[in-house]
C-alpha atoms as a PDB file:
ATOM      1  CA  MET A   1      27.703  34.662-163.381  1.00  0.00           C
ATOM      2  CA  SER A   2      26.031  37.877-163.976  1.00  0.00           C
ATOM      3  CA  GLY A   3      25.838  41.173-162.046  1.00  0.00           C
ATOM      4  CA  PHE A   4      27.991  44.024-161.507  1.00  0.00           C
ATOM      5  CA  ARG A   5      31.599  44.489-160.465  1.00  0.00           C
ATOM      6  CA  HIS A   6      33.074  47.281-158.557  1.00  0.00           C
ATOM      7  CA  VAL A   7      36.880  47.601-158.371  1.00  0.00           C
ATOM      8  CA  VAL A   8      38.789  50.322-156.345  1.00  0.00           C
ATOM      9  CA  ALA A   9      42.427  50.733-155.959  1.00  0.00           C
ATOM     10  CA  TRP A  10      43.837  53.283-153.294  1.00  0.00           C
ATOM     11  CA  LYS A  11      47.304  54.721-152.513  1.00  0.00           C
ATOM     12  CA  LEU A  12      47.711  55.238-149.026  1.00  0.00           C
ATOM     13  CA  ALA A  13      48.384  58.709-147.430  1.00  0.00           C
ATOM     14  CA  ASP A  14      50.591  56.857-144.946  1.00  0.00           C
ATOM     15  CA  PRO A  15      52.426  53.965-146.383  1.00  0.00           C
ATOM     16  CA  GLU A  16      54.302  53.309-143.057  1.00  0.00           C
ATOM     17  CA  SER A  17      51.167  52.291-141.317  1.00  0.00           C
ATOM     18  CA  ARG A  18      50.022  50.087-144.172  1.00  0.00           C
ATOM     19  CA  ASP A  19      49.392  46.871-142.339  1.00  0.00           C
ATOM     20  CA  GLU A  20      47.146  48.516-139.761  1.00  0.00           C
ATOM     21  CA  THR A  21      45.278  50.728-142.232  1.00  0.00           C
ATOM     22  CA  VAL A  22      44.729  47.619-144.533  1.00  0.00           C
ATOM     23  CA  ALA A  23      43.417  45.622-141.578  1.00  0.00           C
ATOM     24  CA  GLN A  24      40.821  48.254-140.578  1.00  0.00           C
ATOM     25  CA  MET A  25      39.768  48.822-144.138  1.00  0.00           C
ATOM     26  CA  LYS A  26      39.234  44.981-144.475  1.00  0.00           C
ATOM     27  CA  SER A  27      37.257  45.023-141.224  1.00  0.00           C
ATOM     28  CA  LEU A  28      35.017  47.819-142.040  1.00  0.00           C
ATOM     29  CA  LEU A  29      34.417  47.112-145.658  1.00  0.00           C
ATOM     30  CA  GLU A  30      34.060  43.333-145.767  1.00  0.00           C
ATOM     31  CA  ALA A  31      31.598  43.550-142.842  1.00  0.00           C
ATOM     32  CA  LEU A  32      29.134  45.259-145.486  1.00  0.00           C
ATOM     33  CA  VAL A  33      28.292  41.861-146.965  1.00  0.00           C
ATOM     34  CA  GLY A  34      25.023  40.845-145.469  1.00  0.00           C
ATOM     35  CA  VAL A  35      24.276  44.447-144.478  1.00  0.00           C
ATOM     36  CA  VAL A  36      23.830  46.057-147.714  1.00  0.00           C
ATOM     37  CA  PRO A  37      21.122  44.702-149.901  1.00  0.00           C
ATOM     38  CA  GLY A  38      22.350  43.251-153.297  1.00  0.00           C
ATOM     39  CA  LEU A  39      26.033  43.168-152.188  1.00  0.00           C
ATOM     40  CA  LYS A  40      27.227  39.618-152.951  1.00  0.00           C
ATOM     41  CA  SER A  41      30.828  39.700-152.122  1.00  0.00           C
ATOM     42  CA  LEU A  42      33.490  42.143-151.164  1.00  0.00           C
ATOM     43  CA  SER A  43      37.275  41.787-150.425  1.00  0.00           C
ATOM     44  CA  VAL A  44      39.941  44.102-149.579  1.00  0.00           C
ATOM     45  CA  ASN A  45      43.703  43.144-150.110  1.00  0.00           C
ATOM     46  CA  PRO A  46      47.123  44.878-150.061  1.00  0.00           C
ATOM     47  CA  THR A  47      49.496  44.692-152.872  1.00  0.00           C
ATOM     48  CA  ALA A  48      51.861  41.966-152.823  1.00  0.00           C
ATOM     49  CA  LEU A  49      54.649  44.151-154.391  1.00  0.00           C
ATOM     50  CA  PRO A  50      54.482  47.472-152.549  1.00  0.00           C
ATOM     51  CA  GLY A  51      56.799  50.250-153.785  1.00  0.00           C
ATOM     52  CA  GLU A  52      57.038  49.031-157.378  1.00  0.00           C
ATOM     53  CA  GLY A  53      54.665  51.677-158.782  1.00  0.00           C
ATOM     54  CA  ASN A  54      51.772  49.537-157.674  1.00  0.00           C
ATOM     55  CA  TRP A  55      48.573  50.822-155.765  1.00  0.00           C
ATOM     56  CA  ASP A  56      48.637  49.919-152.115  1.00  0.00           C
ATOM     57  CA  VAL A  57      45.120  48.415-151.590  1.00  0.00           C
ATOM     58  CA  VAL A  58      42.289  46.972-153.856  1.00  0.00           C
ATOM     59  CA  LEU A  59      38.768  46.335-153.281  1.00  0.00           C
ATOM     60  CA  ILE A  60      36.709  44.127-155.500  1.00  0.00           C
ATOM     61  CA  SER A  61      32.943  43.964-154.872  1.00  0.00           C
ATOM     62  CA  ASP A  62      30.113  42.016-156.822  1.00  0.00           C
ATOM     63  CA  HIS A  63      26.558  43.189-156.857  1.00  0.00           C
ATOM     64  CA  ASP A  64      23.507  41.509-158.016  1.00  0.00           C
ATOM     65  CA  SER A  65      22.820  44.405-160.642  1.00  0.00           C
ATOM     66  CA  LEU A  66      23.721  47.979-161.433  1.00  0.00           C
ATOM     67  CA  ASP A  67      20.854  48.929-159.181  1.00  0.00           C
ATOM     68  CA  ALA A  68      22.184  47.184-156.312  1.00  0.00           C
ATOM     69  CA  PHE A  69      25.455  48.806-156.709  1.00  0.00           C
ATOM     70  CA  ARG A  70      23.743  52.214-156.699  1.00  0.00           C
ATOM     71  CA  THR A  71      21.965  50.998-153.433  1.00  0.00           C
ATOM     72  CA  TYR A  72      25.519  50.129-152.090  1.00  0.00           C
ATOM     73  CA  GLN A  73      26.674  53.575-153.181  1.00  0.00           C
ATOM     74  CA  THR A  74      24.079  55.372-151.010  1.00  0.00           C
ATOM     75  CA  HIS A  75      23.843  52.905-148.136  1.00  0.00           C
ATOM     76  CA  PRO A  76      24.509  54.583-144.633  1.00  0.00           C
ATOM     77  CA  ALA A  77      26.836  51.713-143.547  1.00  0.00           C
ATOM     78  CA  HIS A  78      28.903  52.122-146.648  1.00  0.00           C
ATOM     79  CA  LEU A  79      28.996  55.894-146.495  1.00  0.00           C
ATOM     80  CA  GLU A  80      30.284  55.617-142.993  1.00  0.00           C
ATOM     81  CA  ALA A  81      33.132  53.049-144.019  1.00  0.00           C
ATOM     82  CA  ALA A  82      33.796  55.175-147.111  1.00  0.00           C
ATOM     83  CA  GLN A  83      34.306  58.493-144.911  1.00  0.00           C
ATOM     84  CA  TRP A  84      36.937  56.779-142.898  1.00  0.00           C
ATOM     85  CA  VAL A  85      38.674  55.183-145.941  1.00  0.00           C
ATOM     86  CA  SER A  86      38.853  58.615-147.692  1.00  0.00           C
ATOM     87  CA  GLN A  87      40.799  59.902-144.611  1.00  0.00           C
ATOM     88  CA  GLN A  88      43.464  57.152-145.108  1.00  0.00           C
ATOM     89  CA  VAL A  89      44.158  57.496-148.863  1.00  0.00           C
ATOM     90  CA  SER A  90      45.953  60.006-151.170  1.00  0.00           C
ATOM     91  CA  GLU A  91      44.450  58.562-154.373  1.00  0.00           C
ATOM     92  CA  ARG A  92      41.672  56.484-155.631  1.00  0.00           C
ATOM     93  CA  ALA A  93      40.930  54.841-158.970  1.00  0.00           C
ATOM     94  CA  ALA A  94      37.886  52.647-159.924  1.00  0.00           C
ATOM     95  CA  VAL A  95      36.627  50.709-162.601  1.00  0.00           C
ATOM     96  CA  ASP A  96      32.902  49.246-162.832  1.00  0.00           C
ATOM     97  CA  TYR A  97      31.469  46.877-165.219  1.00  0.00           C
ATOM     98  CA  VAL A  98      28.636  44.467-166.078  1.00  0.00           C
ATOM     99  CA  LEU A  99      29.342  40.774-165.435  1.00  0.00           C
ATOM    100  CA  GLU A 100      28.279  38.783-168.550  1.00  0.00           C
ATOM    101  CA  PRO A 101      26.090  35.644-167.821  1.00  0.00           C
END
């Protein structure tokens, strides 16, 4: 497999509404597959071990290339979802890397 991977971890601003927030994040973000050109896959999942120093939610997306990832970053559908997500989180960390063939 070759391409580009984007990994984001978030801490939720309101951990008490974790299940509802994660469900909405999944719905908004996973719907981008098939909408954003070059976005091959995207999954959003909660931590299996909340409260043990772990982040609350992770997103993993695979893109055809770095250029496809850049398209994703600026795509209107992604920007709309990202705006909502940014209002639900208190911290964000990301790692991006090239997938070797």
